[in-house]
């Protein structure tokens, strides 16, 4: 297996793990609250200085990822970067970022293989 294929598989695996690890707790929260309303959810993320700091940190990282994803998508020829931004804020950066990296690596490896032939 090539180095690129191993990297792609690793990114996909991390994406799945990020989805499962975060949404396991999200499902618990939504089941306990009997609501999928985002406003009360956001309020619980800001309940004390520690959770507020982590929440701001994650959302700021998501914003930076979004800006980078648009630029990087253009650079490597990826289509629909907005999908990763929606996934980032709608599902989670732990899922969207490694998924983006997997697709990016796949496109780069395909471009490299066509350029060397």
PDB file of N, CA and C in Angstrom:
ATOM      1  N   UNK A   1       0.857  -1.179   0.000  1.00  0.00           N
ATOM      2  CA  UNK A   1       0.000   0.000   0.000  1.00  0.00           C
ATOM      3  C   UNK A   1       0.902   1.241   0.000  1.00  0.00           C
ATOM      4  N   UNK A   2       0.553   2.198  -0.834  1.00  0.00           N
ATOM      5  CA  UNK A   2       1.374   3.398  -0.950  1.00  0.00           C
ATOM      6  C   UNK A   2       1.209   4.301   0.282  1.00  0.00           C
ATOM      7  N   UNK A   3       2.183   5.161   0.459  1.00  0.00           N
ATOM      8  CA  UNK A   3       2.158   6.116   1.579  1.00  0.00           C
ATOM      9  C   UNK A   3       0.913   6.994   1.520  1.00  0.00           C
ATOM     10  N   UNK A   4       0.538   7.403   0.324  1.00  0.00           N
ATOM     11  CA  UNK A   4      -0.645   8.246   0.145  1.00  0.00           C
ATOM     12  C   UNK A   4      -1.923   7.506   0.519  1.00  0.00           C
ATOM     13  N   UNK A   5      -2.037   6.236   0.143  1.00  0.00           N
ATOM     14  CA  UNK A   5      -3.230   5.468   0.476  1.00  0.00           C
ATOM     15  C   UNK A   5      -3.348   5.243   1.982  1.00  0.00           C
ATOM     16  N   UNK A   6      -2.213   5.042   2.629  1.00  0.00           N
ATOM     17  CA  UNK A   6      -2.211   4.884   4.089  1.00  0.00           C
ATOM     18  C   UNK A   6      -2.668   6.182   4.745  1.00  0.00           C
ATOM     19  N   UNK A   7      -2.179   7.304   4.233  1.00  0.00           N
ATOM     20  CA  UNK A   7      -2.569   8.609   4.782  1.00  0.00           C
ATOM     21  C   UNK A   7      -4.059   8.864   4.570  1.00  0.00           C
ATOM     22  N   UNK A   8      -4.566   8.546   3.393  1.00  0.00           N
ATOM     23  CA  UNK A   8      -5.995   8.720   3.102  1.00  0.00           C
ATOM     24  C   UNK A   8      -6.829   7.863   4.047  1.00  0.00           C
ATOM     25  N   UNK A   9      -6.449   6.614   4.213  1.00  0.00           N
ATOM     26  CA  UNK A   9      -7.180   5.708   5.106  1.00  0.00           C
ATOM     27  C   UNK A   9      -7.124   6.208   6.547  1.00  0.00           C
ATOM     28  N   UNK A  10      -5.973   6.728   6.946  1.00  0.00           N
ATOM     29  CA  UNK A  10      -5.826   7.265   8.305  1.00  0.00           C
ATOM     30  C   UNK A  10      -6.751   8.454   8.515  1.00  0.00           C
ATOM     31  N   UNK A  11      -6.794   9.363   7.551  1.00  0.00           N
ATOM     32  CA  UNK A  11      -7.686  10.525   7.657  1.00  0.00           C
ATOM     33  C   UNK A  11      -9.154  10.097   7.702  1.00  0.00           C
ATOM     34  N   UNK A  12      -9.530   9.139   6.863  1.00  0.00           N
ATOM     35  CA  UNK A  12     -10.920   8.656   6.894  1.00  0.00           C
ATOM     36  C   UNK A  12     -11.243   8.015   8.240  1.00  0.00           C
ATOM     37  N   UNK A  13     -10.323   7.218   8.763  1.00  0.00           N
ATOM     38  CA  UNK A  13     -10.526   6.591  10.065  1.00  0.00           C
ATOM     39  C   UNK A  13     -10.669   7.647  11.161  1.00  0.00           C
ATOM     40  N   UNK A  14      -9.804   8.664  11.137  1.00  0.00           N
ATOM     41  CA  UNK A  14      -9.895   9.742  12.131  1.00  0.00           C
ATOM     42  C   UNK A  14     -11.208  10.506  12.002  1.00  0.00           C
ATOM     43  N   UNK A  15     -11.686  10.661  10.782  1.00  0.00           N
ATOM     44  CA  UNK A  15     -12.958  11.336  10.561  1.00  0.00           C
ATOM     45  C   UNK A  15     -14.104  10.557  11.202  1.00  0.00           C
ATOM     46  N   UNK A  16     -14.122   9.257  10.995  1.00  0.00           N
ATOM     47  CA  UNK A  16     -15.160   8.409  11.591  1.00  0.00           C
ATOM     48  C   UNK A  16     -15.049   8.433  13.117  1.00  0.00           C
ATOM     49  N   UNK A  17     -13.829   8.323  13.619  1.00  0.00           N
ATOM     50  CA  UNK A  17     -13.632   8.371  15.071  1.00  0.00           C
ATOM     51  C   UNK A  17     -14.075   9.714  15.644  1.00  0.00           C
ATOM     52  N   UNK A  18     -13.776  10.807  14.937  1.00  0.00           N
ATOM     53  CA  UNK A  18     -14.211  12.127  15.384  1.00  0.00           C
ATOM     54  C   UNK A  18     -15.718  12.254  15.410  1.00  0.00           C
ATOM     55  N   UNK A  19     -16.368  11.668  14.418  1.00  0.00           N
ATOM     56  CA  UNK A  19     -17.830  11.684  14.364  1.00  0.00           C
ATOM     57  C   UNK A  19     -18.424  10.893  15.525  1.00  0.00           C
ATOM     58  N   UNK A  20     -17.942   9.681  15.718  1.00  0.00           N
ATOM     59  CA  UNK A  20     -18.481   8.808  16.766  1.00  0.00           C
ATOM     60  C   UNK A  20     -18.182   9.369  18.157  1.00  0.00           C
ATOM     61  N   UNK A  21     -16.957   9.812  18.360  1.00  0.00           N
ATOM     62  CA  UNK A  21     -16.555  10.291  19.686  1.00  0.00           C
ATOM     63  C   UNK A  21     -17.337  11.522  20.126  1.00  0.00           C
ATOM     64  N   UNK A  22     -17.637  12.413  19.210  1.00  0.00           N
ATOM     65  CA  UNK A  22     -18.364  13.624  19.593  1.00  0.00           C
ATOM     66  C   UNK A  22     -19.881  13.414  19.601  1.00  0.00           C
ATOM     67  N   UNK A  23     -20.397  12.708  18.612  1.00  0.00           N
ATOM     68  CA  UNK A  23     -21.841  12.562  18.529  1.00  0.00           C
ATOM     69  C   UNK A  23     -22.406  11.562  19.515  1.00  0.00           C
ATOM     70  N   UNK A  24     -21.583  10.715  20.063  1.00  0.00           N
ATOM     71  CA  UNK A  24     -22.024   9.850  21.153  1.00  0.00           C
ATOM     72  C   UNK A  24     -22.564  10.719  22.293  1.00  0.00           C
ATOM     73  N   UNK A  25     -21.822  11.764  22.618  1.00  0.00           N
ATOM     74  CA  UNK A  25     -22.228  12.671  23.698  1.00  0.00           C
ATOM     75  C   UNK A  25     -23.332  13.634  23.264  1.00  0.00           C
ATOM     76  N   UNK A  26     -23.304  14.049  22.005  1.00  0.00           N
ATOM     77  CA  UNK A  26     -24.386  14.909  21.519  1.00  0.00           C
ATOM     78  C   UNK A  26     -25.727  14.178  21.574  1.00  0.00           C
ATOM     79  N   UNK A  27     -25.732  12.924  21.162  1.00  0.00           N
ATOM     80  CA  UNK A  27     -26.976  12.146  21.232  1.00  0.00           C
ATOM     81  C   UNK A  27     -27.445  12.000  22.678  1.00  0.00           C
ATOM     82  N   UNK A  28     -26.519  11.796  23.594  1.00  0.00           N
ATOM     83  CA  UNK A  28     -26.894  11.713  25.006  1.00  0.00           C
ATOM     84  C   UNK A  28     -27.524  13.023  25.471  1.00  0.00           C
ATOM     85  N   UNK A  29     -26.920  14.132  25.089  1.00  0.00           N
ATOM     86  CA  UNK A  29     -27.444  15.452  25.473  1.00  0.00           C
ATOM     87  C   UNK A  29     -28.853  15.652  24.911  1.00  0.00           C
ATOM     88  N   UNK A  30     -29.010  15.420  23.611  1.00  0.00           N
ATOM     89  CA  UNK A  30     -30.306  15.660  22.982  1.00  0.00           C
ATOM     90  C   UNK A  30     -31.374  14.710  23.510  1.00  0.00           C
ATOM     91  N   UNK A  31     -31.012  13.480  23.817  1.00  0.00           N
ATOM     92  CA  UNK A  31     -31.971  12.529  24.388  1.00  0.00           C
ATOM     93  C   UNK A  31     -32.412  12.969  25.781  1.00  0.00           C
ATOM     94  N   UNK A  32     -31.486  13.467  26.572  1.00  0.00           N
ATOM     95  CA  UNK A  32     -31.803  13.906  27.930  1.00  0.00           C
ATOM     96  C   UNK A  32     -32.617  15.199  27.939  1.00  0.00           C
ATOM     97  N   UNK A  33     -32.403  16.056  26.950  1.00  0.00           N
ATOM     98  CA  UNK A  33     -33.106  17.346  26.935  1.00  0.00           C
ATOM     99  C   UNK A  33     -34.414  17.294  26.163  1.00  0.00           C
ATOM    100  N   UNK A  34     -34.675  16.214  25.451  1.00  0.00           N
ATOM    101  CA  UNK A  34     -35.888  16.072  24.637  1.00  0.00           C
ATOM    102  C   UNK A  34     -36.046  17.200  23.627  1.00  0.00           C
ATOM    103  N   UNK A  35     -34.913  17.749  23.159  1.00  0.00           N
ATOM    104  CA  UNK A  35     -34.965  18.837  22.192  1.00  0.00           C
ATOM    105  C   UNK A  35     -33.696  18.815  21.346  1.00  0.00           C
ATOM    106  N   UNK A  36     -33.827  19.235  20.105  1.00  0.00           N
ATOM    107  CA  UNK A  36     -32.645  19.405  19.267  1.00  0.00           C
ATOM    108  C   UNK A  36     -32.429  20.886  18.953  1.00  0.00           C
ATOM    109  N   UNK A  37     -33.017  21.742  19.771  1.00  0.00           N
ATOM    110  CA  UNK A  37     -32.873  23.182  19.627  1.00  0.00           C
ATOM    111  C   UNK A  37     -31.433  23.578  19.948  1.00  0.00           C
ATOM    112  N   UNK A  38     -30.810  24.338  19.046  1.00  0.00           N
ATOM    113  CA  UNK A  38     -29.401  24.708  19.205  1.00  0.00           C
ATOM    114  C   UNK A  38     -29.180  25.767  20.283  1.00  0.00           C
ATOM    115  N   UNK A  39     -30.154  26.634  20.534  1.00  0.00           N
ATOM    116  CA  UNK A  39     -29.965  27.722  21.509  1.00  0.00           C
ATOM    117  C   UNK A  39     -29.705  27.194  22.922  1.00  0.00           C
ATOM    118  N   UNK A  40     -30.531  26.286  23.459  1.00  0.00           N
ATOM    119  CA  UNK A  40     -30.207  25.751  24.784  1.00  0.00           C
ATOM    120  C   UNK A  40     -28.885  24.967  24.787  1.00  0.00           C
ATOM    121  N   UNK A  41     -28.610  24.291  23.691  1.00  0.00           N
ATOM    122  CA  UNK A  41     -27.348  23.560  23.565  1.00  0.00           C
ATOM    123  C   UNK A  41     -26.171  24.525  23.679  1.00  0.00           C
ATOM    124  N   UNK A  42     -26.238  25.640  22.951  1.00  0.00           N
ATOM    125  CA  UNK A  42     -25.170  26.636  22.995  1.00  0.00           C
ATOM    126  C   UNK A  42     -25.023  27.219  24.399  1.00  0.00           C
ATOM    127  N   UNK A  43     -26.143  27.454  25.067  1.00  0.00           N
ATOM    128  CA  UNK A  43     -26.074  27.982  26.434  1.00  0.00           C
ATOM    129  C   UNK A  43     -25.330  27.032  27.365  1.00  0.00           C
ATOM    130  N   UNK A  44     -25.496  25.732  27.171  1.00  0.00           N
ATOM    131  CA  UNK A  44     -24.776  24.778  28.018  1.00  0.00           C
ATOM    132  C   UNK A  44     -23.284  24.760  27.693  1.00  0.00           C
ATOM    133  N   UNK A  45     -22.926  25.155  26.483  1.00  0.00           N
ATOM    134  CA  UNK A  45     -21.510  25.232  26.121  1.00  0.00           C
ATOM    135  C   UNK A  45     -20.831  26.432  26.775  1.00  0.00           C
ATOM    136  N   UNK A  46     -21.622  27.379  27.218  1.00  0.00           N
ATOM    137  CA  UNK A  46     -21.098  28.622  27.792  1.00  0.00           C
ATOM    138  C   UNK A  46     -21.427  28.737  29.279  1.00  0.00           C
ATOM    139  N   UNK A  47     -21.576  27.613  29.955  1.00  0.00           N
ATOM    140  CA  UNK A  47     -22.070  27.600  31.327  1.00  0.00           C
ATOM    141  C   UNK A  47     -21.034  28.074  32.359  1.00  0.00           C
ATOM    142  N   UNK A  48     -19.756  27.943  32.068  1.00  0.00           N
ATOM    143  CA  UNK A  48     -18.721  28.413  32.984  1.00  0.00           C
ATOM    144  C   UNK A  48     -17.492  28.828  32.175  1.00  0.00           C
ATOM    145  N   UNK A  49     -16.522  29.471  32.794  1.00  0.00           N
ATOM    146  CA  UNK A  49     -15.355  29.936  32.029  1.00  0.00           C
ATOM    147  C   UNK A  49     -14.598  28.816  31.292  1.00  0.00           C
ATOM    148  N   UNK A  50     -14.518  27.635  31.868  1.00  0.00           N
ATOM    149  CA  UNK A  50     -13.792  26.542  31.208  1.00  0.00           C
ATOM    150  C   UNK A  50     -14.506  26.086  29.941  1.00  0.00           C
ATOM    151  N   UNK A  51     -15.810  25.852  30.024  1.00  0.00           N
ATOM    152  CA  UNK A  51     -16.544  25.405  28.834  1.00  0.00           C
ATOM    153  C   UNK A  51     -16.619  26.526  27.795  1.00  0.00           C
ATOM    154  N   UNK A  52     -16.692  27.762  28.261  1.00  0.00           N
ATOM    155  CA  UNK A  52     -16.707  28.896  27.339  1.00  0.00           C
ATOM    156  C   UNK A  52     -15.386  28.977  26.585  1.00  0.00           C
ATOM    157  N   UNK A  53     -14.274  28.809  27.287  1.00  0.00           N
ATOM    158  CA  UNK A  53     -12.952  28.859  26.650  1.00  0.00           C
ATOM    159  C   UNK A  53     -12.807  27.759  25.597  1.00  0.00           C
ATOM    160  N   UNK A  54     -13.210  26.551  25.945  1.00  0.00           N
ATOM    161  CA  UNK A  54     -13.109  25.434  24.995  1.00  0.00           C
ATOM    162  C   UNK A  54     -14.033  25.659  23.802  1.00  0.00           C
ATOM    163  N   UNK A  55     -15.239  26.122  24.053  1.00  0.00           N
ATOM    164  CA  UNK A  55     -16.190  26.380  22.975  1.00  0.00           C
ATOM    165  C   UNK A  55     -15.669  27.438  22.016  1.00  0.00           C
ATOM    166  N   UNK A  56     -15.175  28.544  22.557  1.00  0.00           N
ATOM    167  CA  UNK A  56     -14.632  29.609  21.708  1.00  0.00           C
ATOM    168  C   UNK A  56     -13.417  29.094  20.940  1.00  0.00           C
ATOM    169  N   UNK A  57     -12.570  28.326  21.590  1.00  0.00           N
ATOM    170  CA  UNK A  57     -11.390  27.772  20.941  1.00  0.00           C
ATOM    171  C   UNK A  57     -11.776  26.895  19.754  1.00  0.00           C
ATOM    172  N   UNK A  58     -12.723  25.999  19.956  1.00  0.00           N
ATOM    173  CA  UNK A  58     -13.149  25.086  18.891  1.00  0.00           C
ATOM    174  C   UNK A  58     -13.815  25.847  17.749  1.00  0.00           C
ATOM    175  N   UNK A  59     -14.700  26.771  18.073  1.00  0.00           N
ATOM    176  CA  UNK A  59     -15.381  27.512  17.012  1.00  0.00           C
ATOM    177  C   UNK A  59     -14.431  28.439  16.259  1.00  0.00           C
ATOM    178  N   UNK A  60     -13.440  28.985  16.953  1.00  0.00           N
ATOM    179  CA  UNK A  60     -12.444  29.806  16.269  1.00  0.00           C
ATOM    180  C   UNK A  60     -11.601  28.932  15.339  1.00  0.00           C
ATOM    181  N   UNK A  61     -11.210  27.754  15.813  1.00  0.00           N
ATOM    182  CA  UNK A  61     -10.465  26.818  14.959  1.00  0.00           C
ATOM    183  C   UNK A  61     -11.308  26.427  13.744  1.00  0.00           C
ATOM    184  N   UNK A  62     -12.594  26.246  13.938  1.00  0.00           N
ATOM    185  CA  UNK A  62     -13.499  25.915  12.836  1.00  0.00           C
ATOM    186  C   UNK A  62     -13.570  27.054  11.823  1.00  0.00           C
ATOM    187  N   UNK A  63     -13.567  28.283  12.317  1.00  0.00           N
ATOM    188  CA  UNK A  63     -13.575  29.447  11.425  1.00  0.00           C
ATOM    189  C   UNK A  63     -12.287  29.508  10.607  1.00  0.00           C
ATOM    190  N   UNK A  64     -11.154  29.298  11.260  1.00  0.00           N
ATOM    191  CA  UNK A  64      -9.866  29.295  10.557  1.00  0.00           C
ATOM    192  C   UNK A  64      -9.830  28.158   9.533  1.00  0.00           C
ATOM    193  N   UNK A  65     -10.307  26.974   9.932  1.00  0.00           N
ATOM    194  CA  UNK A  65     -10.386  25.848   8.992  1.00  0.00           C
ATOM    195  C   UNK A  65     -11.223  26.227   7.782  1.00  0.00           C
ATOM    196  N   UNK A  66     -12.330  26.905   7.989  1.00  0.00           N
ATOM    197  CA  UNK A  66     -13.229  27.274   6.898  1.00  0.00           C
ATOM    198  C   UNK A  66     -12.540  28.172   5.879  1.00  0.00           C
ATOM    199  N   UNK A  67     -11.827  29.171   6.376  1.00  0.00           N
ATOM    200  CA  UNK A  67     -11.099  30.081   5.476  1.00  0.00           C
ATOM    201  C   UNK A  67     -10.044  29.293   4.704  1.00  0.00           C
ATOM    202  N   UNK A  68      -9.286  28.464   5.418  1.00  0.00           N
ATOM    203  CA  UNK A  68      -8.227  27.671   4.780  1.00  0.00           C
ATOM    204  C   UNK A  68      -8.811  26.675   3.781  1.00  0.00           C
ATOM    205  N   UNK A  69      -9.914  26.025   4.129  1.00  0.00           N
ATOM    206  CA  UNK A  69     -10.517  25.016   3.263  1.00  0.00           C
ATOM    207  C   UNK A  69     -10.928  25.608   1.921  1.00  0.00           C
ATOM    208  N   UNK A  70     -11.472  26.816   1.939  1.00  0.00           N
ATOM    209  CA  UNK A  70     -11.863  27.460   0.684  1.00  0.00           C
ATOM    210  C   UNK A  70     -10.628  27.711  -0.182  1.00  0.00           C
ATOM    211  N   UNK A  71      -9.585  28.277   0.411  1.00  0.00           N
ATOM    212  CA  UNK A  71      -8.364  28.567  -0.342  1.00  0.00           C
ATOM    213  C   UNK A  71      -7.666  27.299  -0.822  1.00  0.00           C
ATOM    214  N   UNK A  72      -7.565  26.314   0.056  1.00  0.00           N
ATOM    215  CA  UNK A  72      -6.898  25.062  -0.295  1.00  0.00           C
ATOM    216  C   UNK A  72      -7.685  24.301  -1.357  1.00  0.00           C
ATOM    217  N   UNK A  73      -8.999  24.364  -1.291  1.00  0.00           N
ATOM    218  CA  UNK A  73      -9.833  23.714  -2.311  1.00  0.00           C
ATOM    219  C   UNK A  73      -9.542  24.285  -3.687  1.00  0.00           C
ATOM    220  N   UNK A  74      -9.422  25.594  -3.758  1.00  0.00           N
ATOM    221  CA  UNK A  74      -9.098  26.236  -5.038  1.00  0.00           C
ATOM    222  C   UNK A  74      -7.717  25.805  -5.522  1.00  0.00           C
ATOM    223  N   UNK A  75      -6.763  25.749  -4.596  1.00  0.00           N
ATOM    224  CA  UNK A  75      -5.385  25.423  -4.953  1.00  0.00           C
ATOM    225  C   UNK A  75      -5.252  24.016  -5.518  1.00  0.00           C
ATOM    226  N   UNK A  76      -5.933  23.044  -4.908  1.00  0.00           N
ATOM    227  CA  UNK A  76      -5.770  21.652  -5.338  1.00  0.00           C
ATOM    228  C   UNK A  76      -6.877  21.172  -6.273  1.00  0.00           C
ATOM    229  N   UNK A  77      -7.876  22.018  -6.542  1.00  0.00           N
ATOM    230  CA  UNK A  77      -8.931  21.653  -7.472  1.00  0.00           C
ATOM    231  C   UNK A  77     -10.068  20.857  -6.851  1.00  0.00           C
ATOM    232  N   UNK A  78     -10.325  21.061  -5.577  1.00  0.00           N
ATOM    233  CA  UNK A  78     -11.453  20.389  -4.923  1.00  0.00           C
ATOM    234  C   UNK A  78     -12.728  21.174  -5.216  1.00  0.00           C
ATOM    235  N   UNK A  79     -13.798  20.455  -5.388  1.00  0.00           N
ATOM    236  CA  UNK A  79     -15.079  21.104  -5.635  1.00  0.00           C
ATOM    237  C   UNK A  79     -15.872  21.177  -4.340  1.00  0.00           C
ATOM    238  N   UNK A  80     -16.748  22.144  -4.262  1.00  0.00           N
ATOM    239  CA  UNK A  80     -17.711  22.293  -3.184  1.00  0.00           C
ATOM    240  C   UNK A  80     -17.096  22.382  -1.780  1.00  0.00           C
ATOM    241  N   UNK A  81     -16.192  23.300  -1.553  1.00  0.00           N
ATOM    242  CA  UNK A  81     -15.621  23.424  -0.202  1.00  0.00           C
ATOM    243  C   UNK A  81     -16.660  23.800   0.857  1.00  0.00           C
ATOM    244  N   UNK A  82     -17.759  24.391   0.421  1.00  0.00           N
ATOM    245  CA  UNK A  82     -18.799  24.781   1.374  1.00  0.00           C
ATOM    246  C   UNK A  82     -19.373  23.565   2.102  1.00  0.00           C
ATOM    247  N   UNK A  83     -19.328  22.403   1.476  1.00  0.00           N
ATOM    248  CA  UNK A  83     -19.817  21.182   2.125  1.00  0.00           C
ATOM    249  C   UNK A  83     -19.042  20.921   3.414  1.00  0.00           C
ATOM    250  N   UNK A  84     -17.724  21.097   3.372  1.00  0.00           N
ATOM    251  CA  UNK A  84     -16.894  20.841   4.550  1.00  0.00           C
ATOM    252  C   UNK A  84     -17.134  21.885   5.636  1.00  0.00           C
ATOM    253  N   UNK A  85     -17.449  23.105   5.216  1.00  0.00           N
ATOM    254  CA  UNK A  85     -17.750  24.167   6.176  1.00  0.00           C
ATOM    255  C   UNK A  85     -19.076  23.869   6.872  1.00  0.00           C
ATOM    256  N   UNK A  86     -20.071  23.464   6.107  1.00  0.00           N
ATOM    257  CA  UNK A  86     -21.365  23.095   6.693  1.00  0.00           C
ATOM    258  C   UNK A  86     -21.190  21.914   7.640  1.00  0.00           C
ATOM    259  N   UNK A  87     -20.435  20.910   7.218  1.00  0.00           N
ATOM    260  CA  UNK A  87     -20.173  19.760   8.091  1.00  0.00           C
ATOM    261  C   UNK A  87     -19.408  20.178   9.343  1.00  0.00           C
ATOM    262  N   UNK A  88     -18.497  21.103   9.187  1.00  0.00           N
ATOM    263  CA  UNK A  88     -17.698  21.577  10.311  1.00  0.00           C
ATOM    264  C   UNK A  88     -18.576  22.189  11.396  1.00  0.00           C
ATOM    265  N   UNK A  89     -19.465  23.075  11.007  1.00  0.00           N
ATOM    266  CA  UNK A  89     -20.305  23.750  11.990  1.00  0.00           C
ATOM    267  C   UNK A  89     -21.572  22.956  12.329  1.00  0.00           C
ATOM    268  N   UNK A  90     -22.016  22.102  11.420  1.00  0.00           N
ATOM    269  CA  UNK A  90     -23.238  21.336  11.656  1.00  0.00           C
ATOM    270  C   UNK A  90     -23.019  19.991  12.321  1.00  0.00           C
ATOM    271  N   UNK A  91     -21.880  19.379  12.058  1.00  0.00           N
ATOM    272  CA  UNK A  91     -21.585  18.064  12.617  1.00  0.00           C
ATOM    273  C   UNK A  91     -20.423  18.160  13.595  1.00  0.00           C
ATOM    274  N   UNK A  92     -19.335  18.761  13.164  1.00  0.00           N
ATOM    275  CA  UNK A  92     -18.188  18.946  14.046  1.00  0.00           C
ATOM    276  C   UNK A  92     -16.887  18.989  13.279  1.00  0.00           C
ATOM    277  N   UNK A  93     -15.970  19.780  13.787  1.00  0.00           N
ATOM    278  CA  UNK A  93     -14.656  19.898  13.154  1.00  0.00           C
ATOM    279  C   UNK A  93     -13.871  18.591  13.273  1.00  0.00           C
ATOM    280  N   UNK A  94     -14.130  17.819  14.316  1.00  0.00           N
ATOM    281  CA  UNK A  94     -13.438  16.533  14.490  1.00  0.00           C
ATOM    282  C   UNK A  94     -13.795  15.562  13.368  1.00  0.00           C
ATOM    283  N   UNK A  95     -14.924  15.780  12.723  1.00  0.00           N
ATOM    284  CA  UNK A  95     -15.344  14.974  11.574  1.00  0.00           C
ATOM    285  C   UNK A  95     -14.941  15.638  10.259  1.00  0.00           C
ATOM    286  N   UNK A  96     -15.258  16.913  10.115  1.00  0.00           N
ATOM    287  CA  UNK A  96     -15.089  17.607   8.838  1.00  0.00           C
ATOM    288  C   UNK A  96     -13.630  17.807   8.453  1.00  0.00           C
ATOM    289  N   UNK A  97     -12.777  18.142   9.414  1.00  0.00           N
ATOM    290  CA  UNK A  97     -11.388  18.433   9.081  1.00  0.00           C
ATOM    291  C   UNK A  97     -10.648  17.208   8.552  1.00  0.00           C
ATOM    292  N   UNK A  98     -10.681  16.056   9.242  1.00  0.00           N
ATOM    293  CA  UNK A  98      -9.992  14.904   8.659  1.00  0.00           C
ATOM    294  C   UNK A  98     -10.654  14.400   7.371  1.00  0.00           C
ATOM    295  N   UNK A  99     -11.968  14.575   7.228  1.00  0.00           N
ATOM    296  CA  UNK A  99     -12.633  14.214   5.980  1.00  0.00           C
ATOM    297  C   UNK A  99     -12.104  15.082   4.842  1.00  0.00           C
ATOM    298  N   UNK A 100     -12.000  16.373   5.081  1.00  0.00           N
ATOM    299  CA  UNK A 100     -11.429  17.296   4.092  1.00  0.00           C
ATOM    300  C   UNK A 100     -10.007  16.863   3.724  1.00  0.00           C
ATOM    301  N   UNK A 101      -9.199  16.542   4.744  1.00  0.00           N
ATOM    302  CA  UNK A 101      -7.815  16.136   4.484  1.00  0.00           C
ATOM    303  C   UNK A 101      -7.749  14.846   3.669  1.00  0.00           C
ATOM    304  N   UNK A 102      -8.660  13.914   3.929  1.00  0.00           N
ATOM    305  CA  UNK A 102      -8.684  12.658   3.169  1.00  0.00           C
ATOM    306  C   UNK A 102      -9.000  12.925   1.701  1.00  0.00           C
ATOM    307  N   UNK A 103     -10.028  13.722   1.452  1.00  0.00           N
ATOM    308  CA  UNK A 103     -10.410  14.031   0.068  1.00  0.00           C
ATOM    309  C   UNK A 103      -9.307  14.832  -0.614  1.00  0.00           C
ATOM    310  N   UNK A 104      -8.737  15.764   0.107  1.00  0.00           N
ATOM    311  CA  UNK A 104      -7.632  16.574  -0.422  1.00  0.00           C
ATOM    312  C   UNK A 104      -6.460  15.686  -0.819  1.00  0.00           C
ATOM    313  N   UNK A 105      -6.074  14.779   0.064  1.00  0.00           N
ATOM    314  CA  UNK A 105      -4.953  13.880  -0.211  1.00  0.00           C
ATOM    315  C   UNK A 105      -5.263  12.976  -1.404  1.00  0.00           C
ATOM    316  N   UNK A 106      -6.491  12.528  -1.506  1.00  0.00           N
ATOM    317  CA  UNK A 106      -6.892  11.685  -2.638  1.00  0.00           C
ATOM    318  C   UNK A 106      -6.742  12.443  -3.953  1.00  0.00           C
ATOM    319  N   UNK A 107      -7.195  13.687  -3.978  1.00  0.00           N
ATOM    320  CA  UNK A 107      -7.086  14.506  -5.193  1.00  0.00           C
ATOM    321  C   UNK A 107      -5.626  14.787  -5.516  1.00  0.00           C
ATOM    322  N   UNK A 108      -4.834  15.119  -4.513  1.00  0.00           N
ATOM    323  CA  UNK A 108      -3.412  15.387  -4.742  1.00  0.00           C
ATOM    324  C   UNK A 108      -2.709  14.143  -5.277  1.00  0.00           C
ATOM    325  N   UNK A 109      -3.013  12.983  -4.701  1.00  0.00           N
ATOM    326  CA  UNK A 109      -2.357  11.758  -5.155  1.00  0.00           C
ATOM    327  C   UNK A 109      -2.766  11.393  -6.582  1.00  0.00           C
ATOM    328  N   UNK A 110      -4.046  11.646  -6.915  1.00  0.00           N
ATOM    329  CA  UNK A 110      -4.496  11.386  -8.280  1.00  0.00           C
ATOM    330  C   UNK A 110      -3.832  12.342  -9.264  1.00  0.00           C
ATOM    331  N   UNK A 111      -3.687  13.590  -8.857  1.00  0.00           N
ATOM    332  CA  UNK A 111      -3.024  14.583  -9.719  1.00  0.00           C
ATOM    333  C   UNK A 111      -1.564  14.216  -9.902  1.00  0.00           C
ATOM    334  N   UNK A 112      -0.899  13.804  -8.826  1.00  0.00           N
ATOM    335  CA  UNK A 112       0.510  13.406  -8.915  1.00  0.00           C
ATOM    336  C   UNK A 112       0.687  12.190  -9.824  1.00  0.00           C
ATOM    337  N   UNK A 113      -0.235  11.231  -9.732  1.00  0.00           N
ATOM    338  CA  UNK A 113      -0.094  10.017 -10.556  1.00  0.00           C
ATOM    339  C   UNK A 113      -0.343  10.301 -12.035  1.00  0.00           C
ATOM    340  N   UNK A 114      -1.214  11.258 -12.350  1.00  0.00           N
ATOM    341  CA  UNK A 114      -1.457  11.582 -13.759  1.00  0.00           C
ATOM    342  C   UNK A 114      -0.326  12.439 -14.327  1.00  0.00           C
ATOM    343  N   UNK A 115       0.349  13.197 -13.460  1.00  0.00           N
ATOM    344  CA  UNK A 115       1.466  14.033 -13.917  1.00  0.00           C
ATOM    345  C   UNK A 115       2.737  13.227 -14.136  1.00  0.00           C
ATOM    346  N   UNK A 116       2.856  12.074 -13.489  1.00  0.00           N
ATOM    347  CA  UNK A 116       4.069  11.277 -13.627  1.00  0.00           C
ATOM    348  C   UNK A 116       3.977  10.257 -14.757  1.00  0.00           C
ATOM    349  N   UNK A 117       2.795  10.096 -15.332  1.00  0.00           N
ATOM    350  CA  UNK A 117       2.614   9.110 -16.399  1.00  0.00           C
ATOM    351  C   UNK A 117       2.910   9.728 -17.735  1.00  0.00           C
TER     352      UNK A 117
END
